[in-house]
Every structure is written in structure tokens, then in C-alpha cells.
PDB file of N, CA and C in Angstrom:
ATOM      1  N   MET A   1       0.536  -1.060  -0.172  1.00  0.00           N
ATOM      2  CA  MET A   1      -0.004  -0.057  -0.133  1.00  0.00           C
ATOM      3  C   MET A   1       0.844   1.285   0.156  1.00  0.00           C
ATOM      4  N   ASN A   2       0.370   2.331  -0.944  1.00  0.00           N
ATOM      5  CA  ASN A   2       1.451   3.631  -0.945  1.00  0.00           C
ATOM      6  C   ASN A   2       0.170   4.490  -0.327  1.00  0.00           C
ATOM      7  N   ILE A   3       0.675   4.849   0.680  1.00  0.00           N
ATOM      8  CA  ILE A   3       0.133   6.263   1.268  1.00  0.00           C
ATOM      9  C   ILE A   3       1.207   7.320   1.464  1.00  0.00           C
ATOM     10  N   HIS A   4       0.531   8.472   1.628  1.00  0.00           N
ATOM     11  CA  HIS A   4       1.513  10.056   2.053  1.00  0.00           C
ATOM     12  C   HIS A   4       1.341   9.929   3.251  1.00  0.00           C
ATOM     13  N   GLU A   5       2.409  10.491   3.959  1.00  0.00           N
ATOM     14  CA  GLU A   5       2.598  10.994   5.081  1.00  0.00           C
ATOM     15  C   GLU A   5       1.139  11.838   5.755  1.00  0.00           C
ATOM     16  N   TYR A   6       0.391  12.586   5.032  1.00  0.00           N
ATOM     17  CA  TYR A   6      -0.811  13.233   5.900  1.00  0.00           C
ATOM     18  C   TYR A   6      -1.794  12.239   5.785  1.00  0.00           C
ATOM     19  N   GLN A   7      -1.784  10.984   4.690  1.00  0.00           N
ATOM     20  CA  GLN A   7      -2.778  10.148   4.720  1.00  0.00           C
ATOM     21  C   GLN A   7      -2.651   9.477   6.004  1.00  0.00           C
ATOM     22  N   ALA A   8      -1.480   8.909   6.339  1.00  0.00           N
ATOM     23  CA  ALA A   8      -1.033   8.140   7.713  1.00  0.00           C
ATOM     24  C   ALA A   8      -1.508   8.737   8.816  1.00  0.00           C
ATOM     25  N   GLN A   9      -1.012  10.083   9.083  1.00  0.00           N
ATOM     26  CA  GLN A   9      -1.289  11.046  10.067  1.00  0.00           C
ATOM     27  C   GLN A   9      -3.389  11.192  10.085  1.00  0.00           C
ATOM     28  N   GLU A  10      -3.785  10.965   8.908  1.00  0.00           N
ATOM     29  CA  GLU A  10      -5.219  10.914   9.122  1.00  0.00           C
ATOM     30  C   GLU A  10      -5.920   9.918   9.694  1.00  0.00           C
ATOM     31  N   LEU A  11      -5.386   8.938   9.430  1.00  0.00           N
ATOM     32  CA  LEU A  11      -5.391   7.591  10.171  1.00  0.00           C
ATOM     33  C   LEU A  11      -4.875   7.113  11.254  1.00  0.00           C
ATOM     34  N   LEU A  12      -4.025   7.978  12.158  1.00  0.00           N
ATOM     35  CA  LEU A  12      -3.598   8.022  13.378  1.00  0.00           C
ATOM     36  C   LEU A  12      -4.518   8.315  14.034  1.00  0.00           C
ATOM     37  N   GLN A  13      -4.872   9.864  13.809  1.00  0.00           N
ATOM     38  CA  GLN A  13      -5.663  10.871  14.356  1.00  0.00           C
ATOM     39  C   GLN A  13      -6.983   9.801  14.332  1.00  0.00           C
ATOM     40  N   LYS A  14      -7.584   9.727  13.342  1.00  0.00           N
ATOM     41  CA  LYS A  14      -9.276   9.034  13.772  1.00  0.00           C
ATOM     42  C   LYS A  14      -8.854   7.311  14.412  1.00  0.00           C
ATOM     43  N   PHE A  15      -7.913   7.110  14.742  1.00  0.00           N
ATOM     44  CA  PHE A  15      -8.085   5.742  15.777  1.00  0.00           C
ATOM     45  C   PHE A  15      -7.653   6.198  17.227  1.00  0.00           C
ATOM     46  N   GLY A  16      -7.278   7.667  17.494  1.00  0.00           N
ATOM     47  CA  GLY A  16      -6.152   8.171  18.662  1.00  0.00           C
ATOM     48  C   GLY A  16      -4.711   7.898  18.378  1.00  0.00           C
ATOM     49  N   GLY A  17      -4.326   7.755  17.638  1.00  0.00           N
ATOM     50  CA  GLY A  17      -2.496   7.175  17.602  1.00  0.00           C
ATOM     51  C   GLY A  17      -1.857   8.489  17.515  1.00  0.00           C
ATOM     52  N   SER A  18      -2.134   9.863  17.659  1.00  0.00           N
ATOM     53  CA  SER A  18      -1.179  10.600  17.567  1.00  0.00           C
ATOM     54  C   SER A  18      -1.880  11.971  18.079  1.00  0.00           C
ATOM     55  N   ASP A  19      -0.721  13.145  18.683  1.00  0.00           N
ATOM     56  CA  ASP A  19      -1.182  13.937  19.203  1.00  0.00           C
ATOM     57  C   ASP A  19      -0.574  15.672  18.703  1.00  0.00           C
ATOM     58  N   THR A  20       0.320  14.873  17.450  1.00  0.00           N
ATOM     59  CA  THR A  20       0.995  15.908  16.606  1.00  0.00           C
ATOM     60  C   THR A  20      -0.067  16.641  15.905  1.00  0.00           C
ATOM     61  N   ALA A  21       0.199  18.013  15.939  1.00  0.00           N
ATOM     62  CA  ALA A  21      -0.617  18.827  14.677  1.00  0.00           C
ATOM     63  C   ALA A  21      -0.232  19.081  13.869  1.00  0.00           C
ATOM     64  N   ARG A  22      -1.017  18.486  12.432  1.00  0.00           N
ATOM     65  CA  ARG A  22      -0.620  18.390  11.519  1.00  0.00           C
ATOM     66  C   ARG A  22      -1.840  18.316  10.150  1.00  0.00           C
ATOM     67  N   GLN A  23      -1.806  19.565   9.143  1.00  0.00           N
ATOM     68  CA  GLN A  23      -2.664  19.245   8.352  1.00  0.00           C
ATOM     69  C   GLN A  23      -1.969  19.121   6.671  1.00  0.00           C
ATOM     70  N   SER A  24      -2.776  19.497   5.964  1.00  0.00           N
ATOM     71  CA  SER A  24      -2.468  19.462   4.432  1.00  0.00           C
ATOM     72  C   SER A  24      -3.368  20.504   3.829  1.00  0.00           C
ATOM     73  N   GLY A  25      -2.781  20.882   2.499  1.00  0.00           N
ATOM     74  CA  GLY A  25      -3.456  21.858   1.660  1.00  0.00           C
ATOM     75  C   GLY A  25      -3.263  21.619   0.346  1.00  0.00           C
ATOM     76  N   LEU A  26      -4.212  22.334  -0.560  1.00  0.00           N
ATOM     77  CA  LEU A  26      -3.623  21.840  -2.079  1.00  0.00           C
ATOM     78  C   LEU A  26      -3.432  23.439  -2.737  1.00  0.00           C
ATOM     79  N   LEU A  27      -3.381  24.627  -1.601  1.00  0.00           N
ATOM     80  CA  LEU A  27      -3.069  25.772  -2.108  1.00  0.00           C
ATOM     81  C   LEU A  27      -2.093  26.482  -1.575  1.00  0.00           C
ATOM     82  N   PRO A  28      -1.159  27.505  -1.875  1.00  0.00           N
ATOM     83  CA  PRO A  28      -0.316  28.135  -1.102  1.00  0.00           C
ATOM     84  C   PRO A  28      -1.202  29.084   0.339  1.00  0.00           C
ATOM     85  N   GLU A  29      -2.397  29.663   0.411  1.00  0.00           N
ATOM     86  CA  GLU A  29      -2.989  30.588   1.082  1.00  0.00           C
ATOM     87  C   GLU A  29      -3.405  29.332   2.277  1.00  0.00           C
ATOM     88  N   GLU A  30      -3.820  27.864   1.675  1.00  0.00           N
ATOM     89  CA  GLU A  30      -4.072  27.161   2.695  1.00  0.00           C
ATOM     90  C   GLU A  30      -2.665  26.552   3.826  1.00  0.00           C
ATOM     91  N   ALA A  31      -2.245  26.689   2.862  1.00  0.00           N
ATOM     92  CA  ALA A  31      -0.816  26.760   4.084  1.00  0.00           C
ATOM     93  C   ALA A  31      -0.610  27.644   4.804  1.00  0.00           C
ATOM     94  N   GLU A  32      -0.501  28.880   4.435  1.00  0.00           N
ATOM     95  CA  GLU A  32      -0.687  30.150   5.464  1.00  0.00           C
ATOM     96  C   GLU A  32      -1.620  30.223   6.546  1.00  0.00           C
ATOM     97  N   GLN A  33      -2.930  29.516   6.396  1.00  0.00           N
ATOM     98  CA  GLN A  33      -4.411  29.738   7.399  1.00  0.00           C
ATOM     99  C   GLN A  33      -3.519  28.308   8.119  1.00  0.00           C
ATOM    100  N   ILE A  34      -3.280  27.506   7.737  1.00  0.00           N
ATOM    101  CA  ILE A  34      -2.824  26.427   8.789  1.00  0.00           C
ATOM    102  C   ILE A  34      -1.329  26.827   9.772  1.00  0.00           C
ATOM    103  N   ALA A  35      -0.719  27.303   8.949  1.00  0.00           N
ATOM    104  CA  ALA A  35       0.609  27.958   9.940  1.00  0.00           C
ATOM    105  C   ALA A  35      -0.059  29.181  10.818  1.00  0.00           C
ATOM    106  N   ARG A  36      -1.152  29.918  10.554  1.00  0.00           N
ATOM    107  CA  ARG A  36      -1.679  30.799  11.387  1.00  0.00           C
ATOM    108  C   ARG A  36      -2.301  29.783  13.066  1.00  0.00           C
ATOM    109  N   GLU A  37      -3.116  28.853  12.248  1.00  0.00           N
ATOM    110  CA  GLU A  37      -3.599  28.038  13.184  1.00  0.00           C
ATOM    111  C   GLU A  37      -2.540  27.191  14.415  1.00  0.00           C
ATOM    112  N   ILE A  38      -1.544  26.847  13.462  1.00  0.00           N
ATOM    113  CA  ILE A  38      -0.965  26.131  14.874  1.00  0.00           C
ATOM    114  C   ILE A  38       0.130  26.794  15.313  1.00  0.00           C
ATOM    115  N   ALA A  39       0.433  28.344  14.697  1.00  0.00           N
ATOM    116  CA  ALA A  39       1.300  29.117  15.896  1.00  0.00           C
ATOM    117  C   ALA A  39       0.903  28.653  17.187  1.00  0.00           C
ATOM    118  N   PRO A  40       2.122  29.723  17.542  1.00  0.00           N
ATOM    119  CA  PRO A  40       3.575  30.023  17.577  1.00  0.00           C
ATOM    120  C   PRO A  40       4.159  28.989  17.398  1.00  0.00           C
ATOM    121  N   GLY A  41       5.247  29.148  16.545  1.00  0.00           N
ATOM    122  CA  GLY A  41       6.604  28.467  16.375  1.00  0.00           C
ATOM    123  C   GLY A  41       6.907  28.224  15.022  1.00  0.00           C
ATOM    124  N   GLU A  42       7.685  27.266  14.870  1.00  0.00           N
ATOM    125  CA  GLU A  42       8.130  26.799  13.646  1.00  0.00           C
ATOM    126  C   GLU A  42       7.240  25.718  13.009  1.00  0.00           C
ATOM    127  N   ILE A  43       6.715  25.736  11.435  1.00  0.00           N
ATOM    128  CA  ILE A  43       6.109  25.037  11.018  1.00  0.00           C
ATOM    129  C   ILE A  43       7.062  24.130   9.828  1.00  0.00           C
ATOM    130  N   VAL A  44       6.749  22.884   9.529  1.00  0.00           N
ATOM    131  CA  VAL A  44       7.552  22.017   8.622  1.00  0.00           C
ATOM    132  C   VAL A  44       6.859  21.810   7.388  1.00  0.00           C
ATOM    133  N   VAL A  45       6.661  22.734   6.222  1.00  0.00           N
ATOM    134  CA  VAL A  45       6.160  22.546   5.022  1.00  0.00           C
ATOM    135  C   VAL A  45       6.750  21.283   4.322  1.00  0.00           C
ATOM    136  N   LYS A  46       6.287  20.244   3.683  1.00  0.00           N
ATOM    137  CA  LYS A  46       6.654  19.302   3.219  1.00  0.00           C
ATOM    138  C   LYS A  46       6.230  18.630   1.673  1.00  0.00           C
ATOM    139  N   ALA A  47       6.649  18.616   0.560  1.00  0.00           N
ATOM    140  CA  ALA A  47       6.027  18.091  -0.582  1.00  0.00           C
ATOM    141  C   ALA A  47       5.543  16.677  -0.219  1.00  0.00           C
ATOM    142  N   GLN A  48       4.331  16.305  -0.560  1.00  0.00           N
ATOM    143  CA  GLN A  48       4.199  14.714  -0.282  1.00  0.00           C
ATOM    144  C   GLN A  48       3.808  14.305  -1.234  1.00  0.00           C
ATOM    145  N   ILE A  49       5.028  13.046  -1.858  1.00  0.00           N
ATOM    146  CA  ILE A  49       5.161  12.436  -3.131  1.00  0.00           C
ATOM    147  C   ILE A  49       5.690  10.538  -2.505  1.00  0.00           C
ATOM    148  N   HIS A  50       5.881   9.758  -3.064  1.00  0.00           N
ATOM    149  CA  HIS A  50       6.003   8.383  -2.936  1.00  0.00           C
ATOM    150  C   HIS A  50       7.182   8.019  -3.641  1.00  0.00           C
ATOM    151  N   ALA A  51       8.265   8.824  -2.878  1.00  0.00           N
ATOM    152  CA  ALA A  51      10.126   8.823  -3.152  1.00  0.00           C
ATOM    153  C   ALA A  51      11.028   8.847  -1.968  1.00  0.00           C
ATOM    154  N   GLY A  52      11.770   8.651  -1.703  1.00  0.00           N
ATOM    155  CA  GLY A  52      12.356   9.207  -1.009  1.00  0.00           C
ATOM    156  C   GLY A  52      13.297  10.142  -1.371  1.00  0.00           C
ATOM    157  N   GLY A  53      14.107  10.695  -0.456  1.00  0.00           N
ATOM    158  CA  GLY A  53      14.866  12.187  -0.966  1.00  0.00           C
ATOM    159  C   GLY A  53      14.312  13.654  -1.158  1.00  0.00           C
ATOM    160  N   ARG A  54      13.021  13.561  -1.043  1.00  0.00           N
ATOM    161  CA  ARG A  54      12.316  14.757  -1.107  1.00  0.00           C
ATOM    162  C   ARG A  54      13.208  16.069  -1.166  1.00  0.00           C
ATOM    163  N   GLY A  55      13.764  15.849   0.516  1.00  0.00           N
ATOM    164  CA  GLY A  55      14.204  17.086   1.237  1.00  0.00           C
ATOM    165  C   GLY A  55      15.689  17.593   0.442  1.00  0.00           C
ATOM    166  N   LYS A  56      16.165  16.910  -0.675  1.00  0.00           N
ATOM    167  CA  LYS A  56      16.899  17.248  -1.462  1.00  0.00           C
ATOM    168  C   LYS A  56      16.933  17.390  -3.209  1.00  0.00           C
ATOM    169  N   GLY A  57      15.682  16.983  -3.084  1.00  0.00           N
ATOM    170  CA  GLY A  57      15.090  17.236  -4.631  1.00  0.00           C
ATOM    171  C   GLY A  57      15.037  18.554  -4.881  1.00  0.00           C
ATOM    172  N   THR A  58      15.060  18.669  -6.418  1.00  0.00           N
ATOM    173  CA  THR A  58      14.507  19.917  -6.685  1.00  0.00           C
ATOM    174  C   THR A  58      13.453  19.962  -7.649  1.00  0.00           C
ATOM    175  N   PHE A  59      12.719  20.927  -7.532  1.00  0.00           N
ATOM    176  CA  PHE A  59      11.199  21.078  -8.302  1.00  0.00           C
ATOM    177  C   PHE A  59      11.671  21.456  -9.719  1.00  0.00           C
ATOM    178  N   ALA A  60      10.908  21.219 -10.785  1.00  0.00           N
ATOM    179  CA  ALA A  60      11.141  21.545 -12.249  1.00  0.00           C
ATOM    180  C   ALA A  60      11.232  23.255 -12.286  1.00  0.00           C
ATOM    181  N   ASN A  61      10.676  23.996 -11.676  1.00  0.00           N
ATOM    182  CA  ASN A  61      10.934  25.403 -11.458  1.00  0.00           C
ATOM    183  C   ASN A  61      12.207  25.987 -11.206  1.00  0.00           C
ATOM    184  N   GLY A  62      13.042  24.840 -10.486  1.00  0.00           N
ATOM    185  CA  GLY A  62      14.481  25.068  -9.863  1.00  0.00           C
ATOM    186  C   GLY A  62      14.148  25.533  -8.266  1.00  0.00           C
ATOM    187  N   PHE A  63      13.440  25.461  -8.036  1.00  0.00           N
ATOM    188  CA  PHE A  63      13.193  25.245  -6.103  1.00  0.00           C
ATOM    189  C   PHE A  63      13.993  24.099  -5.846  1.00  0.00           C
ATOM    190  N   ASN A  64      14.466  24.642  -4.563  1.00  0.00           N
ATOM    191  CA  ASN A  64      15.234  23.392  -3.955  1.00  0.00           C
ATOM    192  C   ASN A  64      14.557  22.697  -3.065  1.00  0.00           C
ATOM    193  N   GLY A  65      14.271  21.357  -2.712  1.00  0.00           N
ATOM    194  CA  GLY A  65      14.089  21.086  -1.275  1.00  0.00           C
ATOM    195  C   GLY A  65      12.578  21.198  -1.298  1.00  0.00           C
ATOM    196  N   GLY A  66      12.103  19.257  -0.863  1.00  0.00           N
ATOM    197  CA  GLY A  66      10.623  19.325  -0.512  1.00  0.00           C
ATOM    198  C   GLY A  66      10.276  19.624   0.977  1.00  0.00           C
ATOM    199  N   VAL A  67      11.265  19.757   1.531  1.00  0.00           N
ATOM    200  CA  VAL A  67      11.110  20.254   2.996  1.00  0.00           C
ATOM    201  C   VAL A  67      11.832  21.289   3.480  1.00  0.00           C
ATOM    202  N   HIS A  68      10.650  22.527   4.055  1.00  0.00           N
ATOM    203  CA  HIS A  68      11.553  23.060   4.527  1.00  0.00           C
ATOM    204  C   HIS A  68      10.811  23.976   5.962  1.00  0.00           C
ATOM    205  N   VAL A  69      11.649  24.350   6.479  1.00  0.00           N
ATOM    206  CA  VAL A  69      11.048  25.000   7.948  1.00  0.00           C
ATOM    207  C   VAL A  69      10.816  26.549   7.717  1.00  0.00           C
ATOM    208  N   CYS A  70       9.652  26.726   8.265  1.00  0.00           N
ATOM    209  CA  CYS A  70       9.187  27.899   7.905  1.00  0.00           C
ATOM    210  C   CYS A  70       8.822  28.889   9.399  1.00  0.00           C
ATOM    211  N   LYS A  71       9.389  29.920   9.603  1.00  0.00           N
ATOM    212  CA  LYS A  71       9.208  30.784  10.745  1.00  0.00           C
ATOM    213  C   LYS A  71       7.798  31.707  10.685  1.00  0.00           C
ATOM    214  N   THR A  72       7.370  31.986   9.508  1.00  0.00           N
ATOM    215  CA  THR A  72       6.124  32.958   9.796  1.00  0.00           C
ATOM    216  C   THR A  72       5.246  32.299   8.906  1.00  0.00           C
ATOM    217  N   PRO A  73       4.092  32.501   9.037  1.00  0.00           N
ATOM    218  CA  PRO A  73       2.299  31.982   7.906  1.00  0.00           C
ATOM    219  C   PRO A  73       2.874  32.439   6.520  1.00  0.00           C
ATOM    220  N   GLU A  74       3.596  33.701   6.458  1.00  0.00           N
ATOM    221  CA  GLU A  74       3.706  34.127   5.207  1.00  0.00           C
ATOM    222  C   GLU A  74       4.717  33.491   4.307  1.00  0.00           C
ATOM    223  N   GLU A  75       5.696  32.881   5.063  1.00  0.00           N
ATOM    224  CA  GLU A  75       7.028  32.121   4.366  1.00  0.00           C
ATOM    225  C   GLU A  75       6.154  30.635   4.340  1.00  0.00           C
ATOM    226  N   ALA A  76       5.297  30.094   5.010  1.00  0.00           N
ATOM    227  CA  ALA A  76       4.907  28.884   4.708  1.00  0.00           C
ATOM    228  C   ALA A  76       4.292  29.341   3.162  1.00  0.00           C
ATOM    229  N   ARG A  77       3.278  30.258   3.030  1.00  0.00           N
ATOM    230  CA  ARG A  77       2.818  30.477   2.055  1.00  0.00           C
ATOM    231  C   ARG A  77       3.219  30.607   0.798  1.00  0.00           C
ATOM    232  N   GLU A  78       4.198  31.401   0.842  1.00  0.00           N
ATOM    233  CA  GLU A  78       5.514  31.347  -0.108  1.00  0.00           C
ATOM    234  C   GLU A  78       5.906  30.200  -0.452  1.00  0.00           C
ATOM    235  N   ILE A  79       6.647  29.121   0.426  1.00  0.00           N
ATOM    236  CA  ILE A  79       7.332  27.957  -0.084  1.00  0.00           C
ATOM    237  C   ILE A  79       6.093  27.337  -0.432  1.00  0.00           C
ATOM    238  N   ALA A  80       4.994  27.139  -0.038  1.00  0.00           N
ATOM    239  CA  ALA A  80       3.990  26.055  -1.080  1.00  0.00           C
ATOM    240  C   ALA A  80       3.473  26.773  -2.302  1.00  0.00           C
ATOM    241  N   ARG A  81       3.510  27.882  -2.475  1.00  0.00           N
ATOM    242  CA  ARG A  81       3.657  28.493  -3.671  1.00  0.00           C
ATOM    243  C   ARG A  81       4.169  28.134  -5.005  1.00  0.00           C
ATOM    244  N   GLN A  82       5.600  27.948  -4.150  1.00  0.00           N
ATOM    245  CA  GLN A  82       7.154  27.593  -5.196  1.00  0.00           C
ATOM    246  C   GLN A  82       6.822  25.737  -5.439  1.00  0.00           C
ATOM    247  N   MET A  83       6.317  24.999  -4.283  1.00  0.00           N
ATOM    248  CA  MET A  83       6.190  23.260  -4.385  1.00  0.00           C
ATOM    249  C   MET A  83       5.048  23.142  -5.398  1.00  0.00           C
ATOM    250  N   LEU A  84       3.265  24.024  -5.087  1.00  0.00           N
ATOM    251  CA  LEU A  84       2.523  22.935  -5.357  1.00  0.00           C
ATOM    252  C   LEU A  84       2.465  23.608  -7.282  1.00  0.00           C
ATOM    253  N   GLY A  85       1.706  22.280  -7.949  1.00  0.00           N
ATOM    254  CA  GLY A  85       1.634  22.218  -8.817  1.00  0.00           C
ATOM    255  C   GLY A  85       2.942  22.172  -9.749  1.00  0.00           C
ATOM    256  N   HIS A  86       3.999  21.944  -9.059  1.00  0.00           N
ATOM    257  CA  HIS A  86       5.726  22.013 -10.194  1.00  0.00           C
ATOM    258  C   HIS A  86       5.992  20.367  -9.640  1.00  0.00           C
ATOM    259  N   THR A  87       6.820  19.825 -10.521  1.00  0.00           N
ATOM    260  CA  THR A  87       7.175  18.337 -10.433  1.00  0.00           C
ATOM    261  C   THR A  87       8.841  18.533  -9.775  1.00  0.00           C
ATOM    262  N   LEU A  88       8.282  17.397  -8.715  1.00  0.00           N
ATOM    263  CA  LEU A  88       9.748  17.502  -7.632  1.00  0.00           C
ATOM    264  C   LEU A  88      10.566  16.399  -8.163  1.00  0.00           C
ATOM    265  N   VAL A  89      11.749  16.327  -8.584  1.00  0.00           N
ATOM    266  CA  VAL A  89      12.582  15.134  -9.148  1.00  0.00           C
ATOM    267  C   VAL A  89      13.806  14.792  -7.996  1.00  0.00           C
ATOM    268  N   THR A  90      13.666  13.758  -7.327  1.00  0.00           N
ATOM    269  CA  THR A  90      14.642  13.398  -6.666  1.00  0.00           C
ATOM    270  C   THR A  90      15.499  12.196  -7.255  1.00  0.00           C
ATOM    271  N   HIS A  91      16.559  11.260  -6.117  1.00  0.00           N
ATOM    272  CA  HIS A  91      17.201  10.755  -6.599  1.00  0.00           C
ATOM    273  C   HIS A  91      16.712   9.151  -6.713  1.00  0.00           C
ATOM    274  N   GLN A  92      15.393   9.104  -6.201  1.00  0.00           N
ATOM    275  CA  GLN A  92      14.566   8.025  -6.555  1.00  0.00           C
ATOM    276  C   GLN A  92      13.512   7.863  -7.537  1.00  0.00           C
ATOM    277  N   THR A  93      13.164   8.826  -8.450  1.00  0.00           N
ATOM    278  CA  THR A  93      12.126   9.717  -9.160  1.00  0.00           C
ATOM    279  C   THR A  93      12.505   9.136 -10.459  1.00  0.00           C
ATOM    280  N   GLY A  94      13.919   9.259 -11.226  1.00  0.00           N
ATOM    281  CA  GLY A  94      13.902   8.847 -12.009  1.00  0.00           C
ATOM    282  C   GLY A  94      13.304   9.413 -13.207  1.00  0.00           C
ATOM    283  N   PRO A  95      13.317   9.181 -14.272  1.00  0.00           N
ATOM    284  CA  PRO A  95      11.997   9.727 -15.729  1.00  0.00           C
ATOM    285  C   PRO A  95      10.609   9.567 -15.104  1.00  0.00           C
ATOM    286  N   ARG A  96      10.164   8.919 -14.031  1.00  0.00           N
ATOM    287  CA  ARG A  96       9.011   9.003 -13.783  1.00  0.00           C
ATOM    288  C   ARG A  96       8.374  10.630 -13.421  1.00  0.00           C
ATOM    289  N   ARG A  97       9.183  10.804 -12.921  1.00  0.00           N
ATOM    290  CA  ARG A  97       9.187  12.553 -12.346  1.00  0.00           C
ATOM    291  C   ARG A  97       7.404  12.841 -11.423  1.00  0.00           C
ATOM    292  N   PRO A  98       7.487  12.990 -10.317  1.00  0.00           N
ATOM    293  CA  PRO A  98       6.211  12.488  -9.827  1.00  0.00           C
ATOM    294  C   PRO A  98       5.612  14.213  -9.904  1.00  0.00           C
ATOM    295  N   ARG A  99       4.495  14.512 -10.019  1.00  0.00           N
ATOM    296  CA  ARG A  99       4.023  15.540  -9.949  1.00  0.00           C
ATOM    297  C   ARG A  99       3.568  16.171  -8.433  1.00  0.00           C
ATOM    298  N   ARG A 100       3.908  17.272  -7.815  1.00  0.00           N
ATOM    299  CA  ARG A 100       4.059  17.737  -6.972  1.00  0.00           C
ATOM    300  C   ARG A 100       2.338  18.001  -6.692  1.00  0.00           C
ATOM    301  N   GLN A 101       1.535  17.401  -5.750  1.00  0.00           N
ATOM    302  CA  GLN A 101      -0.197  17.354  -5.480  1.00  0.00           C
ATOM    303  C   GLN A 101      -0.591  18.043  -4.564  1.00  0.00           C
ATOM    304  N   GLN A 102       0.119  17.922  -3.136  1.00  0.00           N
ATOM    305  CA  GLN A 102      -0.242  18.296  -2.230  1.00  0.00           C
ATOM    306  C   GLN A 102       1.128  18.564  -1.115  1.00  0.00           C
ATOM    307  N   SER A 103       0.254  19.966   0.165  1.00  0.00           N
ATOM    308  CA  SER A 103       1.806  20.148   0.787  1.00  0.00           C
ATOM    309  C   SER A 103       1.358  19.410   1.925  1.00  0.00           C
ATOM    310  N   ALA A 104       2.257  19.286   3.039  1.00  0.00           N
ATOM    311  CA  ALA A 104       1.726  18.827   4.324  1.00  0.00           C
ATOM    312  C   ALA A 104       2.863  19.788   5.182  1.00  0.00           C
ATOM    313  N   GLY A 105       2.342  19.910   6.431  1.00  0.00           N
ATOM    314  CA  GLY A 105       3.096  20.779   7.557  1.00  0.00           C
ATOM    315  C   GLY A 105       2.933  20.415   8.862  1.00  0.00           C
ATOM    316  N   GLY A 106       3.786  21.095   9.592  1.00  0.00           N
ATOM    317  CA  GLY A 106       3.149  20.750  11.360  1.00  0.00           C
ATOM    318  C   GLY A 106       4.475  21.322  12.366  1.00  0.00           C
ATOM    319  N   ARG A 107       4.195  21.279  13.259  1.00  0.00           N
ATOM    320  CA  ARG A 107       4.907  21.953  14.593  1.00  0.00           C
ATOM    321  C   ARG A 107       6.272  20.942  14.910  1.00  0.00           C
ATOM    322  N   GLY A 108       7.224  21.717  15.318  1.00  0.00           N
ATOM    323  CA  GLY A 108       8.596  21.182  15.432  1.00  0.00           C
ATOM    324  C   GLY A 108       8.756  19.922  14.834  1.00  0.00           C
ATOM    325  N   GLY A 109       8.874  20.208  13.989  1.00  0.00           N
ATOM    326  CA  GLY A 109       9.666  19.102  12.620  1.00  0.00           C
ATOM    327  C   GLY A 109       8.575  18.136  12.389  1.00  0.00           C
ATOM    328  N   ALA A 110       7.416  17.931  12.456  1.00  0.00           N
ATOM    329  CA  ALA A 110       6.451  17.090  12.129  1.00  0.00           C
ATOM    330  C   ALA A 110       5.986  17.568  10.891  1.00  0.00           C
ATOM    331  N   ASP A 111       4.714  16.789  10.094  1.00  0.00           N
ATOM    332  CA  ASP A 111       3.894  17.694   8.932  1.00  0.00           C
ATOM    333  C   ASP A 111       3.588  19.003   8.902  1.00  0.00           C
ATOM    334  N   CYS A 112       2.890  19.410   7.828  1.00  0.00           N
ATOM    335  CA  CYS A 112       2.265  20.783   8.221  1.00  0.00           C
ATOM    336  C   CYS A 112       1.061  20.672   8.886  1.00  0.00           C
ATOM    337  N   ALA A 113       0.225  21.415   9.499  1.00  0.00           N
ATOM    338  CA  ALA A 113      -0.885  21.106  10.389  1.00  0.00           C
ATOM    339  C   ALA A 113      -1.627  22.178  10.304  1.00  0.00           C
TER     340      ALA A 113
END
């Protein structure tokens, strides 16, 4: 079974297995709103793909890294804007080049919440 981190988190929350604040979004504005809801503190915005190495990957638009620590909601929006809708290439994707469809984030190094 292939599921993304945000999907696994939803399952864990549904069955009482997690207390970490995490959410996912499809728009940069959603990333900003999510960051506002779980602030204060740093928010981690992560690209969700079925491949390893996303932190060291590069998007087709030239943006580097599929995992970013953001200090403000506005920064979370800008990072998500550069990720969403762009192809992320990692050492594991090869020519397949999966398209980035969802961003996730969270507090203290977790996913986005």
C-alpha cells in the first residue's frame, strides 16, 4: 500500500494514535492559514510524494528541497507556492518525475498542521 504522510497521519488521528498537529493543503493560501492556526513556532512544509529524498530534491521550476522549516505563516505560503503544481525530482524518481500535488506541514519538525 502506498500512502502519503498526511494520509497516514489522518488514519492515526482517526484511531487516537497521534497528538501532533498536522494538516495538508492544496493551495498556498491554505498553507498560510494552517500555519496561523498552529502558530506560534516553526512550521515544517513538506512535499508529499511516493519517493525518498524529497528534502534534497529539486522542483522543475528550479526551487530546491521538498522539506522547509518556516518561521512565519507568510513564509509557509511562499514555500507552498513554489512547491504546489510543480514536478519534484529526487534521486529515487528517475524519469518518472512525480507531480507535486499536496503540501503538508506541522509543528516542531512534524508534517504541516
